[in-house]
């Protein structure tokens, strides 16, 4: 089992991504990460995914939570641009330079995503706007989620090898 910390700016699409995961099963938090601080967590296939909001992830006090992850899933909104995640990405690299980071650009309108490839990012994937459930909630496209899960499993395998 591999731990994947999901984080990113508020409103970037972290909860939409987490809600869209197939086969959600009970979650066992990594050692030292109290469940009460997790926004959402689940076991999906061979991955234990836990969502932590950006302010918590940026806190030096919680650096041990960062180190508990085998991979990072950093979610950003296409509308904000890559500079919106630069401070968080720098923080992750400072405390966990060897941990792979998959950057997901949500609400992707199409086109090239080269500008999103930054130091510390292992790969960039895009997430289409998805299907609206109601005014405040949506689900991502299943094909996007499958592609993201496959990429995360590759990152987690590299961390174990």
Protein backbone atom coordinates (compact mmCIF):
# COMPACT_ATOMS: atom_id res chain seq x y z
CA UNK A 1 0.00 0.00 0.00
CA UNK A 2 1.29 3.46 -0.91
CA UNK A 3 0.31 6.77 0.68
CA UNK A 4 -0.53 9.68 -1.62
CA UNK A 5 -1.04 13.13 -0.12
CA UNK A 6 -3.50 15.19 -2.17
CA UNK A 7 -3.12 18.94 -1.72
CA UNK A 8 -3.40 22.23 -3.56
CA UNK A 9 -4.98 25.67 -3.31
CA UNK A 10 -8.55 26.06 -2.10
CA UNK A 11 -11.04 25.60 -4.93
CA UNK A 12 -8.53 23.85 -7.21
CA UNK A 13 -10.57 20.66 -7.53
CA UNK A 14 -9.08 18.35 -4.87
CA UNK A 15 -12.47 17.29 -3.50
CA UNK A 16 -13.88 16.76 -7.00
CA UNK A 17 -10.97 14.48 -7.79
CA UNK A 18 -11.32 12.57 -4.50
CA UNK A 19 -15.09 12.22 -4.95
CA UNK A 20 -14.51 10.83 -8.44
CA UNK A 21 -12.24 7.95 -7.40
CA UNK A 22 -13.61 4.46 -8.10
CA UNK A 23 -13.62 1.65 -5.54
CA UNK A 24 -13.32 3.83 -2.46
CA UNK A 25 -12.67 1.69 0.59
CA UNK A 26 -11.84 2.42 4.23
CA UNK A 27 -8.62 4.33 4.86
CA UNK A 28 -5.84 3.75 7.38
CA UNK A 29 -3.93 7.02 7.90
CA UNK A 30 -0.14 7.00 7.81
CA UNK A 31 1.60 6.90 11.19
CA UNK A 32 1.50 10.31 12.86
CA UNK A 33 -1.25 11.78 10.65
CA UNK A 34 -4.43 12.25 12.72
CA UNK A 35 -7.59 11.53 10.73
CA UNK A 36 -9.34 14.59 12.15
CA UNK A 37 -7.10 16.86 10.02
CA UNK A 38 -7.85 15.08 6.76
CA UNK A 39 -10.46 16.66 4.50
CA UNK A 40 -11.10 13.39 2.67
CA UNK A 41 -9.32 10.05 2.65
CA UNK A 42 -9.83 6.68 1.01
CA UNK A 43 -8.20 3.50 -0.15
CA UNK A 44 -8.40 3.13 -3.94
CA UNK A 45 -6.72 0.07 -5.43
CA UNK A 46 -3.15 0.03 -4.12
CA UNK A 47 -3.21 3.67 -3.04
CA UNK A 48 -4.17 5.28 0.26
CA UNK A 49 -5.10 8.84 -0.71
CA UNK A 50 -5.48 11.57 1.88
CA UNK A 51 -6.42 15.18 1.23
CA UNK A 52 -4.85 17.99 3.24
CA UNK A 53 -5.64 21.63 2.51
CA UNK A 54 -2.86 23.95 1.38
CA UNK A 55 -2.51 25.96 4.64
CA UNK A 56 -2.00 22.73 6.59
CA UNK A 57 0.47 21.38 4.01
CA UNK A 58 2.46 24.64 4.16
CA UNK A 59 2.78 24.51 7.94
CA UNK A 60 6.31 23.64 9.04
CA UNK A 61 4.75 22.09 12.13
CA UNK A 62 3.18 19.38 9.93
CA UNK A 63 6.31 18.46 7.94
CA UNK A 64 6.15 14.90 9.28
CA UNK A 65 2.79 14.54 7.49
CA UNK A 66 4.51 15.40 4.23
CA UNK A 67 7.21 12.82 4.87
CA UNK A 68 4.57 10.12 5.41
CA UNK A 69 3.61 10.32 1.72
CA UNK A 70 5.08 8.03 -0.93
CA UNK A 71 3.86 10.48 -3.60
CA UNK A 72 2.20 13.89 -3.82
CA UNK A 73 -0.81 14.71 -5.93
CA UNK A 74 -0.85 18.49 -6.29
CA UNK A 75 -4.09 19.85 -7.77
CA UNK A 76 -4.22 23.31 -9.36
CA UNK A 77 -6.84 25.18 -11.37
CA UNK A 78 -5.97 26.08 -14.97
CA UNK A 79 -7.48 29.51 -14.36
CA UNK A 80 -4.91 30.47 -11.70
CA UNK A 81 -1.75 29.62 -13.63
CA UNK A 82 1.36 27.74 -12.47
CA UNK A 83 2.47 30.57 -10.18
CA UNK A 84 -0.45 29.76 -7.85
CA UNK A 85 1.17 26.46 -6.83
CA UNK A 86 4.81 27.58 -6.85
CA UNK A 87 5.02 28.25 -3.06
CA UNK A 88 3.42 24.91 -2.18
CA UNK A 89 5.59 23.03 -4.67
CA UNK A 90 8.73 24.69 -3.26
CA UNK A 91 7.64 23.71 0.25
CA UNK A 92 7.09 20.09 -0.76
CA UNK A 93 10.51 19.99 -2.44
CA UNK A 94 12.17 21.52 0.62
CA UNK A 95 10.83 18.94 3.05
CA UNK A 96 10.60 15.92 0.72
CA UNK A 97 12.99 16.38 -2.22
CA UNK A 98 12.89 12.70 -3.21
CA UNK A 99 9.08 12.29 -3.15
CA UNK A 100 7.51 12.22 -6.60
CA UNK A 101 4.87 14.84 -7.39
CA UNK A 102 2.10 14.50 -9.94
CA UNK A 103 0.62 17.89 -10.81
CA UNK A 104 -3.02 17.81 -11.91
CA UNK A 105 -4.32 20.87 -13.73
CA UNK A 106 -8.09 20.91 -13.24
CA UNK A 107 -10.74 22.59 -15.38
CA UNK A 108 -8.43 22.14 -18.34
CA UNK A 109 -9.65 24.04 -21.42
CA UNK A 110 -7.26 22.24 -23.79
CA UNK A 111 -3.95 23.10 -25.43
CA UNK A 112 -0.37 22.65 -24.26
CA UNK A 113 0.47 22.31 -20.58
CA UNK A 114 4.26 22.77 -20.92
CA UNK A 115 4.20 25.90 -18.76
CA UNK A 116 3.02 23.75 -15.83
CA UNK A 117 6.13 21.53 -15.86
CA UNK A 118 8.19 22.92 -12.98
CA UNK A 119 11.16 21.72 -10.92
CA UNK A 120 10.01 19.01 -8.56
CA UNK A 121 7.09 17.93 -10.75
CA UNK A 122 7.45 14.34 -11.97
CA UNK A 123 4.56 14.63 -14.43
CA UNK A 124 1.65 16.89 -15.38
CA UNK A 125 -1.82 15.55 -16.13
CA UNK A 126 -4.95 17.50 -17.04
CA UNK A 127 -8.45 17.10 -15.70
CA UNK A 128 -11.39 18.21 -17.84
CA UNK A 129 -14.18 20.24 -16.18
CA UNK A 130 -16.22 17.08 -15.56
CA UNK A 131 -19.90 16.65 -14.87
CA UNK A 132 -21.77 19.02 -12.54
CA UNK A 133 -23.71 17.27 -9.77
CA UNK A 134 -25.13 20.50 -8.40
CA UNK A 135 -24.00 24.09 -8.04
CA UNK A 136 -21.09 23.30 -5.73
CA UNK A 137 -20.06 19.77 -6.70
CA UNK A 138 -18.87 17.94 -9.77
CA UNK A 139 -17.39 14.60 -10.78
CA UNK A 140 -14.33 14.24 -12.97
CA UNK A 141 -14.43 12.22 -16.17
CA UNK A 142 -13.71 8.50 -15.50
CA UNK A 143 -11.07 8.37 -18.27
CA UNK A 144 -9.17 11.25 -16.63
CA UNK A 145 -9.30 9.53 -13.24
CA UNK A 146 -8.04 6.24 -14.69
CA UNK A 147 -5.11 8.03 -16.35
CA UNK A 148 -4.27 9.85 -13.10
CA UNK A 149 -4.47 6.65 -11.03
CA UNK A 150 -2.16 4.83 -13.46
CA UNK A 151 0.37 7.67 -13.24
CA UNK A 152 0.16 7.69 -9.41
CA UNK A 153 0.76 3.95 -9.28
CA UNK A 154 3.89 4.45 -11.42
CA UNK A 155 5.15 7.14 -9.01
CA UNK A 156 4.44 4.95 -6.00
CA UNK A 157 6.29 1.98 -7.57
CA UNK A 158 9.33 4.19 -8.15
CA UNK A 159 9.24 5.24 -4.48
CA UNK A 160 9.24 1.60 -3.35
CA UNK A 161 12.05 0.52 -5.72
